[in-house]
N, C-alpha and C. Protein backbone atom coordinates (compact mmCIF):
# COMPACT_ATOMS: atom_id res chain seq x y z
N UNK A 1 96.67 86.51 129.08
CA UNK A 1 98.02 86.21 128.99
C UNK A 1 98.48 86.21 127.61
N UNK A 2 99.66 86.73 127.31
CA UNK A 2 100.24 86.91 125.99
C UNK A 2 101.35 85.89 125.92
N UNK A 3 101.35 85.18 124.83
CA UNK A 3 102.32 84.11 124.60
C UNK A 3 103.75 84.80 124.25
N UNK A 4 104.71 84.07 124.23
CA UNK A 4 106.01 84.60 123.92
C UNK A 4 106.36 84.54 122.49
N UNK A 5 105.36 84.05 121.61
CA UNK A 5 105.64 83.80 120.21
C UNK A 5 104.97 84.85 119.36
N UNK A 6 104.15 85.68 119.87
CA UNK A 6 103.40 86.64 119.14
C UNK A 6 104.36 87.72 118.58
N UNK A 7 104.15 88.13 117.35
CA UNK A 7 105.02 89.24 116.84
C UNK A 7 104.35 90.52 117.20
N UNK A 8 103.01 90.62 117.24
CA UNK A 8 102.33 91.85 117.62
C UNK A 8 101.14 91.40 118.52
N UNK A 9 100.86 92.43 119.39
CA UNK A 9 99.62 92.23 120.31
C UNK A 9 98.67 93.32 119.78
N UNK A 10 97.40 93.08 119.65
CA UNK A 10 96.49 94.08 119.22
C UNK A 10 95.62 94.30 120.45
N UNK A 11 95.54 95.57 120.87
CA UNK A 11 94.62 95.98 121.90
C UNK A 11 93.55 96.70 121.34
N UNK A 12 92.32 96.09 121.35
CA UNK A 12 91.15 96.46 120.55
C UNK A 12 90.26 97.49 121.40
N UNK A 13 89.67 98.43 120.87
CA UNK A 13 88.84 99.38 121.46
C UNK A 13 87.44 98.84 121.79
N UNK A 14 87.36 97.55 122.06
CA UNK A 14 86.10 96.89 122.47
C UNK A 14 86.33 96.28 123.74
N UNK A 15 85.50 96.49 124.69
CA UNK A 15 85.54 95.81 126.01
C UNK A 15 85.19 94.38 125.98
N UNK A 16 85.49 93.75 127.03
CA UNK A 16 85.14 92.33 127.05
C UNK A 16 83.62 92.06 126.92
N UNK A 17 82.81 93.12 127.35
CA UNK A 17 81.36 93.00 127.23
C UNK A 17 80.79 93.42 125.78
N UNK A 18 81.84 93.85 124.89
CA UNK A 18 81.43 94.17 123.60
C UNK A 18 81.09 95.65 123.36
N UNK A 19 81.34 96.51 124.23
CA UNK A 19 81.12 97.92 124.22
C UNK A 19 82.34 98.63 123.58
N UNK A 20 82.07 99.71 122.92
CA UNK A 20 83.04 100.55 122.27
C UNK A 20 83.70 101.32 123.41
N UNK A 21 85.08 101.22 123.48
CA UNK A 21 85.81 101.87 124.46
C UNK A 21 85.81 103.44 124.33
N UNK A 22 85.65 104.21 125.36
CA UNK A 22 85.68 105.63 125.33
C UNK A 22 86.87 106.10 126.24
N UNK A 23 87.48 107.31 125.97
CA UNK A 23 87.15 108.28 124.89
C UNK A 23 87.52 107.78 123.46
N UNK A 24 86.96 108.45 122.42
CA UNK A 24 87.20 108.02 121.10
C UNK A 24 88.60 108.05 120.71
N UNK A 25 89.45 108.95 121.33
CA UNK A 25 90.85 109.08 121.02
C UNK A 25 91.79 108.31 121.80
N UNK A 26 91.34 107.22 122.43
CA UNK A 26 92.08 106.52 123.51
C UNK A 26 93.29 105.86 122.82
N UNK A 27 93.23 105.41 121.53
CA UNK A 27 94.38 104.79 120.95
C UNK A 27 95.43 105.77 120.61
N UNK A 28 95.07 106.90 120.20
CA UNK A 28 96.10 107.98 119.93
C UNK A 28 96.86 108.36 121.20
N UNK A 29 95.94 108.47 122.27
CA UNK A 29 96.55 108.88 123.58
C UNK A 29 97.61 107.78 124.01
N UNK A 30 97.16 106.58 124.04
CA UNK A 30 98.07 105.52 124.49
C UNK A 30 99.30 105.47 123.71
N UNK A 31 99.23 105.55 122.37
CA UNK A 31 100.35 105.49 121.57
C UNK A 31 101.26 106.80 121.72
N UNK A 32 100.57 107.82 122.06
CA UNK A 32 101.38 109.08 122.40
C UNK A 32 102.23 109.01 123.62
N UNK A 33 101.68 108.39 124.59
CA UNK A 33 102.39 108.20 125.90
C UNK A 33 103.59 107.29 125.55
N UNK A 34 103.42 106.32 124.62
CA UNK A 34 104.49 105.39 124.38
C UNK A 34 105.56 105.89 123.37
N UNK A 35 105.31 107.00 122.80
CA UNK A 35 106.18 107.58 121.73
C UNK A 35 107.60 107.62 122.05
N UNK A 36 107.99 107.75 123.21
CA UNK A 36 109.50 107.78 123.47
C UNK A 36 110.17 106.45 123.46
N UNK A 37 109.43 105.38 123.54
CA UNK A 37 109.92 104.09 123.55
C UNK A 37 110.08 103.53 122.13
N UNK A 38 111.25 103.55 121.62
CA UNK A 38 111.55 103.22 120.22
C UNK A 38 113.03 102.76 120.08
N UNK A 39 113.24 102.08 118.91
CA UNK A 39 114.63 101.67 118.77
C UNK A 39 115.61 102.77 118.81
N UNK A 40 116.73 102.64 119.54
CA UNK A 40 117.63 103.63 119.73
C UNK A 40 117.32 104.57 120.96
N UNK A 41 116.21 104.45 121.52
CA UNK A 41 115.83 105.37 122.55
C UNK A 41 115.22 106.65 122.03
N UNK A 42 114.78 107.45 123.04
CA UNK A 42 114.06 108.77 122.64
C UNK A 42 115.23 109.68 122.16
N UNK A 43 114.84 110.44 121.15
CA UNK A 43 115.70 111.40 120.52
C UNK A 43 114.93 112.67 120.52
N UNK A 44 115.65 113.84 120.36
CA UNK A 44 114.98 115.13 120.30
C UNK A 44 113.84 115.14 119.18
N UNK A 45 112.69 115.36 119.57
CA UNK A 45 111.48 115.48 118.68
C UNK A 45 110.81 114.16 118.52
N UNK A 46 111.31 113.16 119.26
CA UNK A 46 110.64 111.74 119.01
C UNK A 46 109.20 111.76 119.57
N UNK A 47 108.93 112.70 120.46
CA UNK A 47 107.53 112.79 121.00
C UNK A 47 106.61 113.22 119.84
N UNK A 48 107.00 113.78 118.73
CA UNK A 48 106.12 114.16 117.68
C UNK A 48 105.72 113.11 116.77
N UNK A 49 106.15 111.84 116.96
CA UNK A 49 105.68 110.75 116.09
C UNK A 49 105.48 109.57 117.00
N UNK A 50 104.76 108.59 116.54
CA UNK A 50 104.43 107.38 117.29
C UNK A 50 105.72 106.42 117.18
N UNK A 51 105.88 105.71 118.22
CA UNK A 51 106.85 104.69 118.24
C UNK A 51 106.57 103.57 117.25
N UNK A 52 107.44 103.00 116.49
CA UNK A 52 107.16 101.91 115.61
C UNK A 52 106.75 100.61 116.47
N UNK A 53 106.98 100.63 117.76
CA UNK A 53 106.58 99.52 118.60
C UNK A 53 105.17 99.62 119.22
N UNK A 54 104.47 100.83 119.02
CA UNK A 54 103.20 100.99 119.57
C UNK A 54 102.41 102.02 118.68
N UNK A 55 101.58 101.40 117.75
CA UNK A 55 100.91 102.26 116.77
C UNK A 55 99.52 102.10 116.76
N UNK A 56 98.76 103.32 116.77
CA UNK A 56 97.36 103.31 116.75
C UNK A 56 96.86 103.09 115.26
N UNK A 57 95.82 102.33 115.11
CA UNK A 57 95.21 102.08 113.82
C UNK A 57 93.83 101.60 113.85
N UNK A 58 93.21 101.55 112.76
CA UNK A 58 91.90 101.03 112.63
C UNK A 58 92.00 99.70 111.86
N UNK A 59 91.47 98.62 112.48
CA UNK A 59 91.43 97.40 111.83
C UNK A 59 89.94 96.89 111.88
N UNK A 60 89.43 96.49 110.67
CA UNK A 60 88.06 96.04 110.60
C UNK A 60 87.18 96.90 111.13
N UNK A 61 87.40 98.29 111.03
CA UNK A 61 86.45 99.21 111.45
C UNK A 61 86.53 99.54 113.05
N UNK A 62 87.51 99.00 113.76
CA UNK A 62 87.63 99.07 115.14
C UNK A 62 89.02 99.78 115.48
N UNK A 63 89.03 100.82 116.33
CA UNK A 63 90.28 101.40 116.76
C UNK A 63 91.04 100.37 117.57
N UNK A 64 92.32 100.37 117.40
CA UNK A 64 93.13 99.50 118.14
C UNK A 64 94.59 100.12 118.22
N UNK A 65 95.42 99.54 119.11
CA UNK A 65 96.80 99.78 119.21
C UNK A 65 97.55 98.45 118.96
N UNK A 66 98.45 98.54 117.99
CA UNK A 66 99.34 97.34 117.71
C UNK A 66 100.61 97.63 118.49
N UNK A 67 100.91 96.61 119.26
CA UNK A 67 102.08 96.68 120.15
C UNK A 67 103.07 95.58 119.63
N UNK A 68 104.29 95.97 119.19
CA UNK A 68 105.28 95.04 118.76
C UNK A 68 105.92 94.37 119.92
N UNK A 69 106.26 93.09 119.75
CA UNK A 69 106.87 92.41 120.90
C UNK A 69 108.31 92.89 121.15
N UNK A 70 108.95 93.69 120.23
CA UNK A 70 110.20 94.23 120.49
C UNK A 70 110.21 95.16 121.61
N UNK A 71 109.03 95.76 121.92
CA UNK A 71 108.98 96.67 123.06
C UNK A 71 109.19 95.92 124.30
N UNK A 72 108.63 94.65 124.44
CA UNK A 72 108.89 93.81 125.58
C UNK A 72 110.32 93.51 125.79
N UNK A 73 111.06 93.31 124.81
CA UNK A 73 112.45 92.94 124.89
C UNK A 73 113.36 94.17 125.28
N UNK A 74 112.97 95.35 124.80
CA UNK A 74 113.70 96.56 125.05
C UNK A 74 113.22 97.34 126.27
N UNK A 75 112.02 97.44 126.61
CA UNK A 75 111.40 98.11 127.68
C UNK A 75 110.35 97.31 128.34
N UNK A 76 110.67 96.38 129.19
CA UNK A 76 109.66 95.53 129.89
C UNK A 76 108.62 96.30 130.73
N UNK A 77 109.02 97.35 131.31
CA UNK A 77 108.05 98.16 132.02
C UNK A 77 106.94 98.84 131.14
N UNK A 78 107.39 99.29 129.97
CA UNK A 78 106.50 99.91 128.99
C UNK A 78 105.61 98.76 128.50
N UNK A 79 106.06 97.60 128.24
CA UNK A 79 105.35 96.48 127.84
C UNK A 79 104.15 96.15 128.81
N UNK A 80 104.58 96.13 130.04
CA UNK A 80 103.74 95.84 131.12
C UNK A 80 102.72 97.00 131.21
N UNK A 81 103.05 98.19 131.05
CA UNK A 81 102.16 99.35 131.07
C UNK A 81 100.98 99.17 130.13
N UNK A 82 101.29 98.88 128.85
CA UNK A 82 100.27 98.82 127.84
C UNK A 82 99.34 97.58 128.08
N UNK A 83 99.90 96.48 128.43
CA UNK A 83 99.11 95.30 128.79
C UNK A 83 98.22 95.51 130.01
N UNK A 84 98.77 96.12 131.04
CA UNK A 84 97.91 96.44 132.15
C UNK A 84 96.84 97.54 131.82
N UNK A 85 97.16 98.41 130.90
CA UNK A 85 96.11 99.44 130.40
C UNK A 85 94.87 98.62 129.87
N UNK A 86 95.22 97.65 128.99
CA UNK A 86 94.21 96.73 128.44
C UNK A 86 93.47 96.04 129.48
N UNK A 87 94.17 95.38 130.43
CA UNK A 87 93.55 94.63 131.45
C UNK A 87 92.66 95.55 132.40
N UNK A 88 93.24 96.65 132.83
CA UNK A 88 92.58 97.53 133.73
C UNK A 88 91.26 98.05 133.10
N UNK A 89 91.23 98.19 131.83
CA UNK A 89 90.13 98.72 131.09
C UNK A 89 89.23 97.75 130.49
N UNK A 90 89.56 96.41 130.71
CA UNK A 90 88.85 95.30 130.18
C UNK A 90 88.81 95.22 128.77
N UNK A 91 89.76 95.55 128.02
CA UNK A 91 89.79 95.72 126.56
C UNK A 91 90.21 94.23 126.02
N UNK A 92 89.69 94.00 124.90
CA UNK A 92 90.05 92.69 124.18
C UNK A 92 91.42 92.79 123.69
N UNK A 93 92.21 91.76 123.79
CA UNK A 93 93.54 91.66 123.24
C UNK A 93 93.66 90.40 122.51
N UNK A 94 94.31 90.47 121.31
CA UNK A 94 94.60 89.38 120.44
C UNK A 94 96.01 89.40 120.04
N UNK A 95 96.53 88.23 119.67
CA UNK A 95 97.95 88.26 119.05
C UNK A 95 97.78 87.90 117.59
N UNK A 96 98.71 88.56 116.90
CA UNK A 96 98.70 88.39 115.43
C UNK A 96 100.08 88.89 114.84
N UNK A 97 100.07 88.81 113.61
CA UNK A 97 101.21 89.42 112.87
C UNK A 97 100.78 90.36 111.74
N UNK A 98 101.18 91.62 111.77
CA UNK A 98 100.80 92.48 110.68
C UNK A 98 101.41 92.05 109.38
N UNK A 99 100.70 92.13 108.34
CA UNK A 99 101.12 91.78 107.06
C UNK A 99 101.63 93.08 106.41
N UNK A 100 102.74 93.09 105.65
CA UNK A 100 103.23 94.34 105.02
C UNK A 100 102.15 94.72 103.90
N UNK A 101 101.94 96.02 103.75
CA UNK A 101 101.16 96.51 102.66
C UNK A 101 101.66 96.07 101.32
N UNK A 102 100.69 95.79 100.41
CA UNK A 102 101.12 95.37 99.11
C UNK A 102 101.54 96.66 98.30
N UNK A 103 102.47 96.47 97.52
CA UNK A 103 103.05 97.61 96.69
C UNK A 103 101.97 97.85 95.58
N UNK A 104 101.78 99.15 95.31
CA UNK A 104 100.80 99.47 94.33
C UNK A 104 101.42 99.65 92.96
């Protein structure tokens, strides 16, 4: 269960049993499917970039997808889709807040 206070939800590429989730490009595929869900809605060419609400990344050496809570507010069915993806594949999920990158 995800609380209503989390800024972001991390879907980790690690199963509940501790195994690495396959295929290795799962995070990019999931974020690609979610690319049209974005602030202002889908625009021509928006399928060519990830949505700011659903971004693949590597954290602590583990592939994950970071899902922003704004997705839930604007597209509840898309929010349910990503959380059900995690549940159906028995992926670990955690709540957190991404910190902005430090200026160099």
